Protein backbone atom coordinates (compact mmCIF):
# COMPACT_ATOMS: atom_id res chain seq x y z
CA UNK A 1 61.28 180.60 20.37
CA UNK A 2 57.58 181.30 20.77
CA UNK A 3 54.94 179.15 19.17
CA UNK A 4 51.57 180.79 18.48
CA UNK A 5 48.53 179.30 16.77
CA UNK A 6 45.37 180.95 15.49
CA UNK A 7 42.43 178.89 14.25
CA UNK A 8 39.56 180.85 12.80
CA UNK A 9 36.38 180.52 10.80
CA UNK A 10 33.44 182.83 10.12
CA UNK A 11 32.03 182.42 13.64
CA UNK A 12 34.99 182.21 16.01
CA UNK A 13 38.73 182.52 16.59
CA UNK A 14 40.85 180.41 18.95
CA UNK A 15 44.27 181.69 20.07
CA UNK A 16 47.00 179.64 21.71
CA UNK A 17 50.65 180.16 22.62
CA UNK A 18 53.30 178.19 24.45
CA UNK A 19 54.16 179.33 27.98
CA UNK A 20 57.97 179.16 28.00
CA UNK A 21 60.14 182.29 28.00
CA UNK A 22 63.89 182.97 28.00
CA UNK A 23 65.14 186.17 29.62
CA UNK A 24 68.65 187.39 28.81
CA UNK A 25 70.45 189.97 30.93
CA UNK A 26 73.99 191.23 31.47
CA UNK A 27 75.49 190.55 34.90
CA UNK A 28 79.06 191.71 35.65
CA UNK A 29 79.74 192.09 31.92
CA UNK A 30 78.52 188.57 31.07
CA UNK A 31 75.32 187.59 29.28
CA UNK A 32 73.12 185.31 31.33
CA UNK A 33 69.99 183.57 30.10
CA UNK A 34 67.25 182.23 32.34
CA UNK A 35 64.42 179.95 31.24
CA UNK A 36 60.97 180.19 32.82
CA UNK A 37 57.85 178.09 32.46
CA UNK A 38 54.39 179.56 32.79
CA UNK A 39 54.64 182.97 31.11
CA UNK A 40 51.43 184.54 29.79
CA UNK A 41 51.50 185.41 26.09
CA UNK A 42 47.78 185.75 25.31
CA UNK A 43 45.84 188.65 26.87
CA UNK A 44 42.32 190.08 26.66
CA UNK A 45 42.46 193.70 25.54
CA UNK A 46 39.00 194.39 26.95
CA UNK A 47 36.86 192.87 29.68
CA UNK A 48 33.72 193.70 27.68
CA UNK A 49 34.63 193.03 24.03
CA UNK A 50 36.15 189.98 22.35
CA UNK A 51 39.58 191.34 21.46
CA UNK A 52 42.84 189.61 22.37
CA UNK A 53 46.57 190.17 21.92
CA UNK A 54 49.39 187.64 21.61
CA UNK A 55 52.96 188.60 22.54
CA UNK A 56 56.20 187.24 21.10
CA UNK A 57 59.85 188.34 20.79
CA UNK A 58 60.50 191.59 22.70
CA UNK A 59 58.26 191.44 25.76
CA UNK A 60 58.72 195.08 26.77
CA UNK A 61 58.63 198.66 25.54
CA UNK A 62 61.29 200.90 27.10
CA UNK A 63 61.72 198.33 29.89
CA UNK A 64 57.96 198.23 30.66
CA UNK A 65 56.55 194.71 30.13
CA UNK A 66 53.77 194.41 27.53
CA UNK A 67 51.66 192.64 30.16
CA UNK A 68 51.62 195.81 32.29
CA UNK A 69 50.83 198.03 29.28
CA UNK A 70 47.93 195.80 28.17
CA UNK A 71 46.45 195.48 31.65
CA UNK A 72 46.76 199.23 32.21
CA UNK A 73 45.00 199.96 28.91
CA UNK A 74 42.27 197.43 29.76
CA UNK A 75 41.66 199.21 33.08
CA UNK A 76 41.69 202.61 31.33
CA UNK A 77 39.21 201.36 28.71
CA UNK A 78 36.72 200.29 31.38
CA UNK A 79 33.31 199.47 29.87
CA UNK A 80 33.89 201.51 26.71
CA UNK A 81 33.67 199.64 23.41
CA UNK A 82 34.25 200.57 19.78
CA UNK A 83 32.19 199.46 16.78
CA UNK A 84 35.28 198.73 14.64
CA UNK A 85 38.97 197.88 14.98
CA UNK A 86 41.62 199.78 13.04
CA UNK A 87 44.94 198.07 12.30
């Protein structure tokens, strides 16, 4: 279970998440779960704008980890910035 916290006011936002992750896979027809400490769950979406993403639950899209997708987008974005965010 992931624990995420957001504290915000009119001037700032603070994001925090635990760092534990459980990975479940099937080996020889049996489900196996492994527990890891130190996983990253909070990422900067841009190196030049204050936008962040927190990850929980499914940590991949079509077997590609969200971490790779976010870092790839951040590199693709470069120094570009947008005046608004659309959700």
